[in-house]
Amino acid sequence: MEQFSWDWALSDLKSLHRGKVFSVFSCGGGSSMGYKRAGFDVIGNVEIDAKVNACYVENLRPMYNYCEDARVFALREDLPAELYDLDILDGSPPCTTFSMAGLREKSWGKVKKFAEGRASQRLDDLFFVFIDIVKKLKPKVCIAENVDGLVKGNALCYAEQILLAFREAGYSTQVFLLNSRFMDTPQKRKRVFFIANRMKYGPLSLQFNRPSIPFGDIRSRESGKPAGPLYKEILNSLSVKERPRSICEARKDGKSGGFTNPIVWDESVCPTITAKGLFFRGHDKTLFTKSDFIRVATFPRDYNFLSMNSQYICGMCVPPNMMAHIASQVWHQWLKIK
């Protein structure tokens, strides 16, 4: 099994020409950088958010870039021939409607303004837009990532429809629930991956057991910004032995606020990085630094965030190392065998 360091730079990337990849809902390029780390050539992307897309272009330099709604892209009749000869079509359809921390069923089928593109749109049907693009481009393999909430509770009906849609498109699909902490990523990030192929490959086996990386091994050595007065009081009230996982657990006033504000201790693995919220360093009671977010997300140390917040980009993206491991196995078990 290949290994991928959390400490790396864009200049380290070297193509092994393992295949051509195109990414839909690419965000800032987390998955694309993973494919590149695994030796693939990422030739282009689709991203609706202009500011996020600018980060993608600045760092990934795609040959084909489409800053538009995936629905618009799916209807294009002017696509280059190279996009009809892909080894992998990658996609991370926006997932906030399926997150266990979100509104879930209350938001399904509704049009509202989401962060993705700052446009009024439905998000729960975008997975099927992705499959429309699969039907159009007919890649050998497609890999679609989403929150694990998509395969829980009432959302299972969506997962079943996704599998049916892939089958009707001529693809055999496997579903994997993976945790990035076992994939050279210092972050507990559970995600579901739909991996489909039309080449009649045998079953794909994905079992990752790389050692977990505690926060203390990767955090930056400089202190972050100090906590605000309320949080500072809560943090300073902790005894040396106390290790609450969040501000909510640390509170001693009987109130419940702060559940989404984690406290990350040196001996623990960082929880899932979210696009918003306050992340505290347990050892010095300060906020995460930019370097902390970059390292926990396994982004390259020289990534240019332009005007975007590093936490937002890192929280929205697939960790590069997570995708690098998946892409590497797809190469070794499927694409390498002609």
C-alpha atoms as a PDB file:
ATOM      1  CA  MET A   1       0.000   0.000   0.000  1.00  0.00           C
ATOM      2  CA  GLU A   2       1.347   3.416  -0.952  1.00  0.00           C
ATOM      3  CA  GLN A   3       1.974   6.000   1.774  1.00  0.00           C
ATOM      4  CA  PHE A   4       1.342   9.737   1.588  1.00  0.00           C
ATOM      5  CA  SER A   5       2.876  12.297   3.937  1.00  0.00           C
ATOM      6  CA  TRP A   6       0.709  15.056   5.397  1.00  0.00           C
ATOM      7  CA  ASP A   7       3.612  17.457   4.848  1.00  0.00           C
ATOM      8  CA  TRP A   8       4.004  18.133   1.138  1.00  0.00           C
ATOM      9  CA  ALA A   9       4.039  20.851  -1.527  1.00  0.00           C
ATOM     10  CA  LEU A  10       2.471  21.317  -4.948  1.00  0.00           C
ATOM     11  CA  SER A  11       5.971  21.237  -6.403  1.00  0.00           C
ATOM     12  CA  ASP A  12       6.220  17.600  -5.234  1.00  0.00           C
ATOM     13  CA  LEU A  13       3.538  16.490  -7.707  1.00  0.00           C
ATOM     14  CA  LYS A  14       4.809  14.331 -10.548  1.00  0.00           C
ATOM     15  CA  SER A  15       2.619  12.649 -13.129  1.00  0.00           C
ATOM     16  CA  LEU A  16       2.985   8.892 -13.582  1.00  0.00           C
ATOM     17  CA  HIS A  17       0.472   9.104 -16.455  1.00  0.00           C
ATOM     18  CA  ARG A  18      -1.825   6.633 -14.765  1.00  0.00           C
ATOM     19  CA  GLY A  19      -4.877   8.065 -16.473  1.00  0.00           C
ATOM     20  CA  LYS A  20      -6.956  11.133 -17.208  1.00  0.00           C
ATOM     21  CA  VAL A  21      -9.318  12.517 -14.543  1.00  0.00           C
ATOM     22  CA  PHE A  22     -11.983  15.223 -14.749  1.00  0.00           C
ATOM     23  CA  SER A  23     -13.636  16.608 -11.601  1.00  0.00           C
ATOM     24  CA  VAL A  24     -17.221  17.864 -11.209  1.00  0.00           C
ATOM     25  CA  PHE A  25     -18.167  19.879  -8.080  1.00  0.00           C
ATOM     26  CA  SER A  26     -14.416  20.226  -7.681  1.00  0.00           C
ATOM     27  CA  CYS A  27     -14.423  22.865  -4.916  1.00  0.00           C
ATOM     28  CA  GLY A  28     -10.846  23.977  -4.172  1.00  0.00           C
ATOM     29  CA  GLY A  29      -9.278  20.826  -5.569  1.00  0.00           C
ATOM     30  CA  GLY A  30      -8.930  18.481  -2.591  1.00  0.00           C
ATOM     31  CA  SER A  31      -9.826  15.364  -4.559  1.00  0.00           C
ATOM     32  CA  SER A  32      -7.962  16.598  -7.658  1.00  0.00           C
ATOM     33  CA  MET A  33      -4.752  16.984  -5.651  1.00  0.00           C
ATOM     34  CA  GLY A  34      -5.310  13.458  -4.343  1.00  0.00           C
ATOM     35  CA  TYR A  35      -5.473  12.056  -7.862  1.00  0.00           C
ATOM     36  CA  LYS A  36      -2.325  13.968  -8.753  1.00  0.00           C
ATOM     37  CA  ARG A  37      -0.539  12.603  -5.685  1.00  0.00           C
ATOM     38  CA  ALA A  38      -1.481   9.120  -6.914  1.00  0.00           C
ATOM     39  CA  GLY A  39       0.084   9.836 -10.316  1.00  0.00           C
ATOM     40  CA  PHE A  40      -2.969  10.722 -12.401  1.00  0.00           C
ATOM     41  CA  ASP A  41      -3.372  13.643 -14.797  1.00  0.00           C
ATOM     42  CA  VAL A  42      -6.297  15.879 -13.800  1.00  0.00           C
ATOM     43  CA  ILE A  43      -7.257  17.675 -16.994  1.00  0.00           C
ATOM     44  CA  GLY A  44     -10.175  19.836 -15.865  1.00  0.00           C
ATOM     45  CA  ASN A  45     -13.033  20.671 -13.563  1.00  0.00           C
ATOM     46  CA  VAL A  46     -16.509  22.109 -13.055  1.00  0.00           C
ATOM     47  CA  GLU A  47     -17.151  24.434 -10.089  1.00  0.00           C
ATOM     48  CA  ILE A  48     -20.057  26.851  -9.631  1.00  0.00           C
ATOM     49  CA  ASP A  49     -18.501  29.151  -7.002  1.00  0.00           C
ATOM     50  CA  ALA A  50     -16.338  31.744  -8.793  1.00  0.00           C
ATOM     51  CA  LYS A  51     -14.091  32.487  -5.803  1.00  0.00           C
ATOM     52  CA  VAL A  52     -13.514  28.824  -5.006  1.00  0.00           C
ATOM     53  CA  ASN A  53     -12.979  28.090  -8.692  1.00  0.00           C
ATOM     54  CA  ALA A  54     -10.318  30.809  -8.791  1.00  0.00           C
ATOM     55  CA  CYS A  55      -8.423  28.899  -6.066  1.00  0.00           C
ATOM     56  CA  TYR A  56      -8.727  25.715  -8.093  1.00  0.00           C
ATOM     57  CA  VAL A  57      -7.355  27.381 -11.214  1.00  0.00           C
ATOM     58  CA  GLU A  58      -4.530  29.085  -9.311  1.00  0.00           C
ATOM     59  CA  ASN A  59      -3.319  25.849  -7.745  1.00  0.00           C
ATOM     60  CA  LEU A  60      -4.292  23.100 -10.212  1.00  0.00           C
ATOM     61  CA  ARG A  61      -3.903  24.893 -13.575  1.00  0.00           C
ATOM     62  CA  PRO A  62      -6.580  22.808 -15.369  1.00  0.00           C
ATOM     63  CA  MET A  63      -6.575  22.448 -19.141  1.00  0.00           C
ATOM     64  CA  TYR A  64     -10.385  22.611 -19.205  1.00  0.00           C
ATOM     65  CA  ASN A  65     -12.110  24.819 -16.646  1.00  0.00           C
ATOM     66  CA  TYR A  66     -15.866  25.388 -16.404  1.00  0.00           C
ATOM     67  CA  CYS A  67     -17.035  27.865 -13.781  1.00  0.00           C
ATOM     68  CA  GLU A  68     -20.746  27.098 -13.969  1.00  0.00           C
ATOM     69  CA  ASP A  69     -23.620  25.054 -12.601  1.00  0.00           C
ATOM     70  CA  ALA A  70     -23.175  21.335 -13.254  1.00  0.00           C
ATOM     71  CA  ARG A  71     -26.664  21.385 -14.754  1.00  0.00           C
ATOM     72  CA  VAL A  72     -25.423  23.790 -17.411  1.00  0.00           C
ATOM     73  CA  PHE A  73     -22.321  21.683 -18.028  1.00  0.00           C
ATOM     74  CA  ALA A  74     -24.448  18.538 -18.434  1.00  0.00           C
ATOM     75  CA  LEU A  75     -26.259  20.157 -21.383  1.00  0.00           C
ATOM     76  CA  ARG A  76     -23.139  21.380 -23.202  1.00  0.00           C
ATOM     77  CA  GLU A  77     -22.646  20.224 -26.779  1.00  0.00           C
ATOM     78  CA  ASP A  78     -19.242  21.872 -27.239  1.00  0.00           C
ATOM     79  CA  LEU A  79     -17.080  19.693 -24.996  1.00  0.00           C
ATOM     80  CA  PRO A  80     -13.604  18.683 -26.212  1.00  0.00           C
ATOM     81  CA  ALA A  81     -13.135  15.115 -27.425  1.00  0.00           C
ATOM     82  CA  GLU A  82     -10.668  14.434 -24.589  1.00  0.00           C
ATOM     83  CA  LEU A  83     -13.512  14.543 -22.044  1.00  0.00           C
ATOM     84  CA  TYR A  84     -15.120  11.582 -23.818  1.00  0.00           C
ATOM     85  CA  ASP A  85     -11.993   9.506 -23.201  1.00  0.00           C
ATOM     86  CA  LEU A  86     -11.643   9.695 -19.412  1.00  0.00           C
ATOM     87  CA  ASP A  87     -10.266   7.047 -17.117  1.00  0.00           C
ATOM     88  CA  ILE A  88     -12.008   8.562 -14.065  1.00  0.00           C
ATOM     89  CA  LEU A  89     -14.836  11.047 -13.653  1.00  0.00           C
ATOM     90  CA  ASP A  90     -14.699  12.453 -10.135  1.00  0.00           C
ATOM     91  CA  GLY A  91     -17.510  14.222  -8.299  1.00  0.00           C
ATOM     92  CA  SER A  92     -18.465  15.519  -4.860  1.00  0.00           C
ATOM     93  CA  PRO A  93     -22.095  16.680  -5.190  1.00  0.00           C
ATOM     94  CA  PRO A  94     -22.886  19.282  -2.480  1.00  0.00           C
ATOM     95  CA  CYS A  95     -23.929  17.330   0.589  1.00  0.00           C
ATOM     96  CA  THR A  96     -25.343  19.737   3.195  1.00  0.00           C
ATOM     97  CA  THR A  97     -28.888  18.400   2.714  1.00  0.00           C
ATOM     98  CA  PHE A  98     -27.753  14.898   3.754  1.00  0.00           C
ATOM     99  CA  SER A  99     -25.493  15.846   6.655  1.00  0.00           C
ATOM    100  CA  MET A 100     -26.567  14.386  10.001  1.00  0.00           C
ATOM    101  CA  ALA A 101     -25.911  17.853  11.470  1.00  0.00           C
ATOM    102  CA  GLY A 102     -28.226  19.587   8.984  1.00  0.00           C
ATOM    103  CA  LEU A 103     -31.947  19.846   8.293  1.00  0.00           C
ATOM    104  CA  ARG A 104     -31.943  16.664   6.169  1.00  0.00           C
ATOM    105  CA  GLU A 105     -35.542  15.700   5.275  1.00  0.00           C
ATOM    106  CA  LYS A 106     -36.833  19.245   5.883  1.00  0.00           C
ATOM    107  CA  SER A 107     -34.601  20.578   3.094  1.00  0.00           C
ATOM    108  CA  TRP A 108     -35.119  17.827   0.505  1.00  0.00           C
ATOM    109  CA  GLY A 109     -36.812  19.000  -2.679  1.00  0.00           C
ATOM    110  CA  LYS A 110     -36.638  22.681  -1.691  1.00  0.00           C
ATOM    111  CA  VAL A 111     -34.960  25.540  -3.528  1.00  0.00           C
ATOM    112  CA  LYS A 112     -32.920  27.874  -1.330  1.00  0.00           C
ATOM    113  CA  LYS A 113     -29.668  29.819  -1.394  1.00  0.00           C
ATOM    114  CA  PHE A 114     -26.714  27.656  -0.415  1.00  0.00           C
ATOM    115  CA  ALA A 115     -23.057  28.565   0.065  1.00  0.00           C
ATOM    116  CA  GLU A 116     -22.160  26.502  -3.000  1.00  0.00           C
ATOM    117  CA  GLY A 117     -22.115  29.179  -5.684  1.00  0.00           C
ATOM    118  CA  ARG A 118     -24.212  31.566  -3.595  1.00  0.00           C
ATOM    119  CA  ALA A 119     -27.034  30.568  -5.951  1.00  0.00           C
ATOM    120  CA  SER A 120     -30.633  29.571  -5.274  1.00  0.00           C
ATOM    121  CA  GLN A 121     -30.824  25.896  -6.151  1.00  0.00           C
ATOM    122  CA  ARG A 122     -31.790  22.421  -5.056  1.00  0.00           C
ATOM    123  CA  LEU A 123     -28.927  20.317  -3.771  1.00  0.00           C
ATOM    124  CA  ASP A 124     -30.545  16.932  -3.199  1.00  0.00           C
ATOM    125  CA  ASP A 125     -30.846  16.210  -6.954  1.00  0.00           C
ATOM    126  CA  LEU A 126     -27.273  17.100  -7.908  1.00  0.00           C
ATOM    127  CA  PHE A 127     -26.070  13.514  -7.507  1.00  0.00           C
ATOM    128  CA  PHE A 128     -28.390  12.617 -10.379  1.00  0.00           C
ATOM    129  CA  VAL A 129     -27.032  15.527 -12.416  1.00  0.00           C
ATOM    130  CA  PHE A 130     -23.607  13.956 -11.862  1.00  0.00           C
ATOM    131  CA  ILE A 131     -24.928  10.646 -13.212  1.00  0.00           C
ATOM    132  CA  ASP A 132     -26.327  12.504 -16.242  1.00  0.00           C
ATOM    133  CA  ILE A 133     -22.749  13.679 -16.875  1.00  0.00           C
ATOM    134  CA  VAL A 134     -21.549  10.078 -16.441  1.00  0.00           C
ATOM    135  CA  LYS A 135     -24.034   9.001 -19.143  1.00  0.00           C
ATOM    136  CA  LYS A 136     -22.777  11.782 -21.401  1.00  0.00           C
ATOM    137  CA  LEU A 137     -19.017  11.280 -21.013  1.00  0.00           C
ATOM    138  CA  LYS A 138     -18.970   7.509 -20.399  1.00  0.00           C
ATOM    139  CA  PRO A 139     -15.721   7.330 -18.365  1.00  0.00           C
ATOM    140  CA  LYS A 140     -14.223   3.952 -17.535  1.00  0.00           C
ATOM    141  CA  VAL A 141     -14.633   4.647 -13.809  1.00  0.00           C
ATOM    142  CA  CYS A 142     -16.520   7.238 -11.780  1.00  0.00           C
ATOM    143  CA  ILE A 143     -15.934   8.051  -8.132  1.00  0.00           C
ATOM    144  CA  ALA A 144     -18.507  10.104  -6.225  1.00  0.00           C
ATOM    145  CA  GLU A 145     -17.988  11.226  -2.622  1.00  0.00           C
ATOM    146  CA  ASN A 146     -20.573  12.350  -0.093  1.00  0.00           C
ATOM    147  CA  VAL A 147     -21.313  12.575   3.642  1.00  0.00           C
ATOM    148  CA  ASP A 148     -21.998   9.332   5.466  1.00  0.00           C
ATOM    149  CA  GLY A 149     -25.491  10.650   6.250  1.00  0.00           C
ATOM    150  CA  LEU A 150     -26.457   9.693   2.705  1.00  0.00           C
ATOM    151  CA  VAL A 151     -26.535   6.028   3.732  1.00  0.00           C
ATOM    152  CA  LYS A 152     -28.348   6.548   7.035  1.00  0.00           C
ATOM    153  CA  GLY A 153     -32.013   6.781   7.980  1.00  0.00           C
ATOM    154  CA  ASN A 154     -34.508   8.062   5.435  1.00  0.00           C
ATOM    155  CA  ALA A 155     -31.673   9.127   3.104  1.00  0.00           C
ATOM    156  CA  LEU A 156     -31.205   5.470   2.194  1.00  0.00           C
ATOM    157  CA  CYS A 157     -33.967   5.921  -0.365  1.00  0.00           C
ATOM    158  CA  TYR A 158     -31.712   8.413  -2.173  1.00  0.00           C
ATOM    159  CA  ALA A 159     -28.789   5.971  -2.039  1.00  0.00           C
ATOM    160  CA  GLU A 160     -30.959   3.249  -3.572  1.00  0.00           C
ATOM    161  CA  GLN A 161     -32.040   5.600  -6.368  1.00  0.00           C
ATOM    162  CA  ILE A 162     -28.385   6.491  -7.003  1.00  0.00           C
ATOM    163  CA  LEU A 163     -27.450   2.820  -7.357  1.00  0.00           C
ATOM    164  CA  LEU A 164     -30.399   2.267  -9.715  1.00  0.00           C
ATOM    165  CA  ALA A 165     -29.398   5.282 -11.828  1.00  0.00           C
ATOM    166  CA  PHE A 166     -25.808   3.993 -12.118  1.00  0.00           C
ATOM    167  CA  ARG A 167     -27.097   0.560 -13.127  1.00  0.00           C
ATOM    168  CA  GLU A 168     -29.378   2.047 -15.773  1.00  0.00           C
ATOM    169  CA  ALA A 169     -26.373   3.980 -17.099  1.00  0.00           C
ATOM    170  CA  GLY A 170     -24.511   0.697 -17.566  1.00  0.00           C
ATOM    171  CA  TYR A 171     -22.272   0.884 -14.487  1.00  0.00           C
ATOM    172  CA  SER A 172     -21.580  -1.642 -11.772  1.00  0.00           C
ATOM    173  CA  THR A 173     -21.313   0.177  -8.422  1.00  0.00           C
ATOM    174  CA  GLN A 174     -19.801  -0.487  -5.028  1.00  0.00           C
ATOM    175  CA  VAL A 175     -20.375   1.664  -1.935  1.00  0.00           C
ATOM    176  CA  PHE A 176     -17.615   2.229   0.613  1.00  0.00           C
ATOM    177  CA  LEU A 177     -17.834   3.975   3.993  1.00  0.00           C
ATOM    178  CA  LEU A 178     -14.301   5.160   4.763  1.00  0.00           C
ATOM    179  CA  ASN A 179     -12.606   7.084   7.551  1.00  0.00           C
ATOM    180  CA  SER A 180      -9.730   9.380   6.586  1.00  0.00           C
ATOM    181  CA  ARG A 181      -7.932   8.781   9.908  1.00  0.00           C
ATOM    182  CA  PHE A 182      -6.707   5.436   8.526  1.00  0.00           C
ATOM    183  CA  MET A 183      -5.564   7.005   5.250  1.00  0.00           C
ATOM    184  CA  ASP A 184      -2.548   9.138   6.270  1.00  0.00           C
ATOM    185  CA  THR A 185      -4.885  11.977   7.236  1.00  0.00           C
ATOM    186  CA  PRO A 186      -4.791  13.452  10.794  1.00  0.00           C
ATOM    187  CA  GLN A 187      -8.557  13.939  10.823  1.00  0.00           C
ATOM    188  CA  LYS A 188     -11.561  11.720  11.646  1.00  0.00           C
ATOM    189  CA  ARG A 189     -13.609  12.308   8.510  1.00  0.00           C
ATOM    190  CA  LYS A 190     -16.141   9.608   7.570  1.00  0.00           C
ATOM    191  CA  ARG A 191     -17.318   9.752   3.975  1.00  0.00           C
ATOM    192  CA  VAL A 192     -19.227   7.462   1.625  1.00  0.00           C
ATOM    193  CA  PHE A 193     -17.801   6.742  -1.830  1.00  0.00           C
ATOM    194  CA  PHE A 194     -19.783   5.385  -4.765  1.00  0.00           C
ATOM    195  CA  ILE A 195     -17.228   3.789  -7.103  1.00  0.00           C
ATOM    196  CA  ALA A 196     -18.649   2.579 -10.407  1.00  0.00           C
ATOM    197  CA  ASN A 197     -17.216   1.134 -13.624  1.00  0.00           C
ATOM    198  CA  ARG A 198     -18.496   0.033 -17.027  1.00  0.00           C
ATOM    199  CA  MET A 199     -15.484  -2.168 -17.841  1.00  0.00           C
ATOM    200  CA  LYS A 200     -16.634  -5.294 -15.993  1.00  0.00           C
ATOM    201  CA  TYR A 201     -13.746  -5.102 -13.544  1.00  0.00           C
ATOM    202  CA  GLY A 202     -13.812  -7.484 -10.593  1.00  0.00           C
ATOM    203  CA  PRO A 203     -14.818  -6.318  -7.108  1.00  0.00           C
ATOM    204  CA  LEU A 204     -12.679  -3.504  -5.735  1.00  0.00           C
ATOM    205  CA  SER A 205     -11.197  -4.069  -2.271  1.00  0.00           C
ATOM    206  CA  LEU A 206     -10.585  -0.966  -0.149  1.00  0.00           C
ATOM    207  CA  GLN A 207      -9.166  -1.646   3.296  1.00  0.00           C
ATOM    208  CA  PHE A 208      -6.996   1.066   4.782  1.00  0.00           C
ATOM    209  CA  ASN A 209      -5.157   0.663   8.074  1.00  0.00           C
ATOM    210  CA  ARG A 210      -2.503   3.348   8.145  1.00  0.00           C
ATOM    211  CA  PRO A 211      -1.657   4.473  11.730  1.00  0.00           C
ATOM    212  CA  SER A 212      -3.740   7.328  13.154  1.00  0.00           C
ATOM    213  CA  ILE A 213      -1.896  10.645  13.452  1.00  0.00           C
ATOM    214  CA  PRO A 214      -2.542  12.576  16.703  1.00  0.00           C
ATOM    215  CA  PHE A 215      -2.934  16.341  16.562  1.00  0.00           C
ATOM    216  CA  GLY A 216       0.187  16.926  18.646  1.00  0.00           C
ATOM    217  CA  ASP A 217       2.335  15.370  15.917  1.00  0.00           C
ATOM    218  CA  ILE A 218       1.265  17.841  13.251  1.00  0.00           C
ATOM    219  CA  ARG A 219       0.047  21.061  14.853  1.00  0.00           C
ATOM    220  CA  SER A 220       1.944  24.243  14.190  1.00  0.00           C
ATOM    221  CA  ARG A 221       4.285  25.361  16.951  1.00  0.00           C
ATOM    222  CA  GLU A 222       3.098  28.968  16.994  1.00  0.00           C
ATOM    223  CA  SER A 223       0.033  29.812  19.080  1.00  0.00           C
ATOM    224  CA  GLY A 224      -3.233  30.709  17.432  1.00  0.00           C
ATOM    225  CA  LYS A 225      -5.422  33.708  18.128  1.00  0.00           C
ATOM    226  CA  PRO A 226      -6.670  33.889  21.738  1.00  0.00           C
ATOM    227  CA  ALA A 227     -10.176  32.678  22.508  1.00  0.00           C
ATOM    228  CA  GLY A 228     -12.901  35.238  23.137  1.00  0.00           C
ATOM    229  CA  PRO A 229     -13.774  36.135  26.766  1.00  0.00           C
ATOM    230  CA  LEU A 230     -16.530  33.500  27.184  1.00  0.00           C
ATOM    231  CA  TYR A 231     -14.527  30.657  25.627  1.00  0.00           C
ATOM    232  CA  LYS A 232     -11.351  31.719  27.417  1.00  0.00           C
ATOM    233  CA  GLU A 233     -13.149  31.509  30.769  1.00  0.00           C
ATOM    234  CA  ILE A 234     -14.516  28.057  29.937  1.00  0.00           C
ATOM    235  CA  LEU A 235     -11.134  26.757  28.772  1.00  0.00           C
ATOM    236  CA  ASN A 236      -9.220  28.178  31.731  1.00  0.00           C
ATOM    237  CA  SER A 237     -11.650  26.518  34.153  1.00  0.00           C
ATOM    238  CA  LEU A 238     -10.496  23.047  33.065  1.00  0.00           C
ATOM    239  CA  SER A 239      -8.268  21.027  35.341  1.00  0.00           C
ATOM    240  CA  VAL A 240      -5.028  19.558  34.001  1.00  0.00           C
ATOM    241  CA  LYS A 241      -6.623  16.099  33.631  1.00  0.00           C
ATOM    242  CA  GLU A 242      -9.867  17.166  31.959  1.00  0.00           C
ATOM    243  CA  ARG A 243     -10.137  16.426  28.231  1.00  0.00           C
ATOM    244  CA  PRO A 244     -13.572  17.571  27.000  1.00  0.00           C
ATOM    245  CA  ARG A 245     -14.100  17.154  23.245  1.00  0.00           C
ATOM    246  CA  SER A 246     -16.004  20.393  22.786  1.00  0.00           C
ATOM    247  CA  ILE A 247     -16.861  23.693  24.405  1.00  0.00           C
ATOM    248  CA  CYS A 248     -20.262  22.190  25.202  1.00  0.00           C
ATOM    249  CA  GLU A 249     -18.637  19.373  27.224  1.00  0.00           C
ATOM    250  CA  ALA A 250     -16.308  21.866  28.923  1.00  0.00           C
ATOM    251  CA  ARG A 251     -19.063  24.196  30.140  1.00  0.00           C
ATOM    252  CA  LYS A 252     -19.887  24.143  33.835  1.00  0.00           C
ATOM    253  CA  ASP A 253     -22.788  26.579  33.744  1.00  0.00           C
ATOM    254  CA  GLY A 254     -25.417  24.027  32.704  1.00  0.00           C
ATOM    255  CA  LYS A 255     -25.832  25.555  29.247  1.00  0.00           C
ATOM    256  CA  SER A 256     -25.535  23.518  26.046  1.00  0.00           C
ATOM    257  CA  GLY A 257     -23.923  25.919  23.562  1.00  0.00           C
ATOM    258  CA  GLY A 258     -20.651  25.094  21.868  1.00  0.00           C
ATOM    259  CA  PHE A 259     -21.269  21.525  20.679  1.00  0.00           C
ATOM    260  CA  THR A 260     -19.914  22.397  17.218  1.00  0.00           C
ATOM    261  CA  ASN A 261     -16.795  24.058  18.678  1.00  0.00           C
ATOM    262  CA  PRO A 262     -14.328  21.200  19.249  1.00  0.00           C
ATOM    263  CA  ILE A 263     -11.343  21.224  21.578  1.00  0.00           C
ATOM    264  CA  VAL A 264      -8.552  19.168  20.035  1.00  0.00           C
ATOM    265  CA  TRP A 265      -5.976  17.709  22.411  1.00  0.00           C
ATOM    266  CA  ASP A 266      -2.464  16.699  21.410  1.00  0.00           C
ATOM    267  CA  GLU A 267      -3.034  12.988  22.031  1.00  0.00           C
ATOM    268  CA  SER A 268      -6.280  12.820  20.021  1.00  0.00           C
ATOM    269  CA  VAL A 269      -7.054  12.780  16.303  1.00  0.00           C
ATOM    270  CA  CYS A 270      -8.747  15.944  15.086  1.00  0.00           C
ATOM    271  CA  PRO A 271     -12.477  15.590  14.326  1.00  0.00           C
ATOM    272  CA  THR A 272     -13.917  16.456  10.917  1.00  0.00           C
ATOM    273  CA  ILE A 273     -12.899  19.923   9.794  1.00  0.00           C
ATOM    274  CA  THR A 274     -16.018  21.921   9.003  1.00  0.00           C
ATOM    275  CA  ALA A 275     -16.250  25.007   6.829  1.00  0.00           C
ATOM    276  CA  LYS A 276     -17.447  27.075   9.796  1.00  0.00           C
ATOM    277  CA  GLY A 277     -17.128  26.982  13.567  1.00  0.00           C
ATOM    278  CA  LEU A 278     -14.342  27.540  16.071  1.00  0.00           C
ATOM    279  CA  PHE A 279     -11.635  24.916  16.567  1.00  0.00           C
ATOM    280  CA  PHE A 280      -9.578  25.165  19.770  1.00  0.00           C
ATOM    281  CA  ARG A 281      -6.113  23.765  20.531  1.00  0.00           C
ATOM    282  CA  GLY A 282      -6.272  22.054  23.910  1.00  0.00           C
ATOM    283  CA  HIS A 283      -2.602  22.428  24.792  1.00  0.00           C
ATOM    284  CA  ASP A 284      -2.519  26.263  24.736  1.00  0.00           C
ATOM    285  CA  LYS A 285      -6.268  27.135  24.696  1.00  0.00           C
ATOM    286  CA  THR A 286      -5.969  29.140  21.462  1.00  0.00           C
ATOM    287  CA  LEU A 287      -7.743  28.912  18.115  1.00  0.00           C
ATOM    288  CA  PHE A 288      -6.462  26.775  15.244  1.00  0.00           C
ATOM    289  CA  THR A 289      -3.906  28.497  13.053  1.00  0.00           C
ATOM    290  CA  LYS A 290      -4.033  28.504   9.259  1.00  0.00           C
ATOM    291  CA  SER A 291      -1.233  25.918   9.285  1.00  0.00           C
ATOM    292  CA  ASP A 292      -3.273  23.678  11.601  1.00  0.00           C
ATOM    293  CA  PHE A 293      -6.166  23.569   9.128  1.00  0.00           C
ATOM    294  CA  ILE A 294      -3.811  22.952   6.199  1.00  0.00           C
ATOM    295  CA  ARG A 295      -2.021  20.086   7.952  1.00  0.00           C
ATOM    296  CA  VAL A 296      -5.151  18.422   9.321  1.00  0.00           C
ATOM    297  CA  ALA A 297      -6.704  18.561   5.836  1.00  0.00           C
ATOM    298  CA  THR A 298      -3.449  17.325   4.201  1.00  0.00           C
ATOM    299  CA  PHE A 299      -3.441  20.332   1.881  1.00  0.00           C
ATOM    300  CA  PRO A 300      -0.045  21.321   0.454  1.00  0.00           C
ATOM    301  CA  ARG A 301       1.854  23.848   2.527  1.00  0.00           C
ATOM    302  CA  ASP A 302       2.160  26.159  -0.494  1.00  0.00           C
ATOM    303  CA  TYR A 303      -1.544  26.155  -1.458  1.00  0.00           C
ATOM    304  CA  ASN A 304      -2.663  29.659  -2.436  1.00  0.00           C
ATOM    305  CA  PHE A 305      -6.061  30.404  -0.877  1.00  0.00           C
ATOM    306  CA  LEU A 306      -6.246  33.811  -2.591  1.00  0.00           C
ATOM    307  CA  SER A 307      -9.026  35.711  -0.798  1.00  0.00           C
ATOM    308  CA  MET A 308     -10.701  32.591   0.600  1.00  0.00           C
ATOM    309  CA  ASN A 309     -10.669  31.445   4.218  1.00  0.00           C
ATOM    310  CA  SER A 310      -8.423  28.390   4.658  1.00  0.00           C
ATOM    311  CA  GLN A 311     -10.845  26.692   7.045  1.00  0.00           C
ATOM    312  CA  TYR A 312     -13.701  27.072   4.566  1.00  0.00           C
ATOM    313  CA  ILE A 313     -11.763  25.541   1.672  1.00  0.00           C
ATOM    314  CA  CYS A 314     -10.293  22.732   3.790  1.00  0.00           C
ATOM    315  CA  GLY A 315     -13.663  21.984   5.376  1.00  0.00           C
ATOM    316  CA  MET A 316     -15.449  21.778   2.026  1.00  0.00           C
ATOM    317  CA  CYS A 317     -12.879  19.572   0.277  1.00  0.00           C
ATOM    318  CA  VAL A 318     -12.037  15.890   0.266  1.00  0.00           C
ATOM    319  CA  PRO A 319      -8.643  15.542   2.013  1.00  0.00           C
ATOM    320  CA  PRO A 320      -6.061  14.980  -0.748  1.00  0.00           C
ATOM    321  CA  ASN A 321      -4.469  12.040   1.067  1.00  0.00           C
ATOM    322  CA  MET A 322      -7.842  10.323   1.401  1.00  0.00           C
ATOM    323  CA  MET A 323      -8.446  10.487  -2.337  1.00  0.00           C
ATOM    324  CA  ALA A 324      -4.818   9.623  -3.112  1.00  0.00           C
ATOM    325  CA  HIS A 325      -5.239   6.283  -1.339  1.00  0.00           C
ATOM    326  CA  ILE A 326      -8.490   5.495  -3.157  1.00  0.00           C
ATOM    327  CA  ALA A 327      -7.107   6.524  -6.551  1.00  0.00           C
ATOM    328  CA  SER A 328      -3.976   4.473  -5.982  1.00  0.00           C
ATOM    329  CA  GLN A 329      -6.024   1.336  -5.344  1.00  0.00           C
ATOM    330  CA  VAL A 330      -8.276   1.977  -8.348  1.00  0.00           C
ATOM    331  CA  TRP A 331      -5.107   2.135 -10.437  1.00  0.00           C
ATOM    332  CA  HIS A 332      -3.498  -1.013  -9.008  1.00  0.00           C
ATOM    333  CA  GLN A 333      -6.644  -3.159  -8.941  1.00  0.00           C
ATOM    334  CA  TRP A 334      -8.407  -1.926 -12.106  1.00  0.00           C
ATOM    335  CA  LEU A 335      -6.779   0.514 -14.489  1.00  0.00           C
ATOM    336  CA  LYS A 336      -3.289  -0.988 -14.373  1.00  0.00           C
ATOM    337  CA  ILE A 337      -4.702  -4.262 -15.700  1.00  0.00           C
ATOM    338  CA  LYS A 338      -5.496  -3.720 -19.386  1.00  0.00           C
END
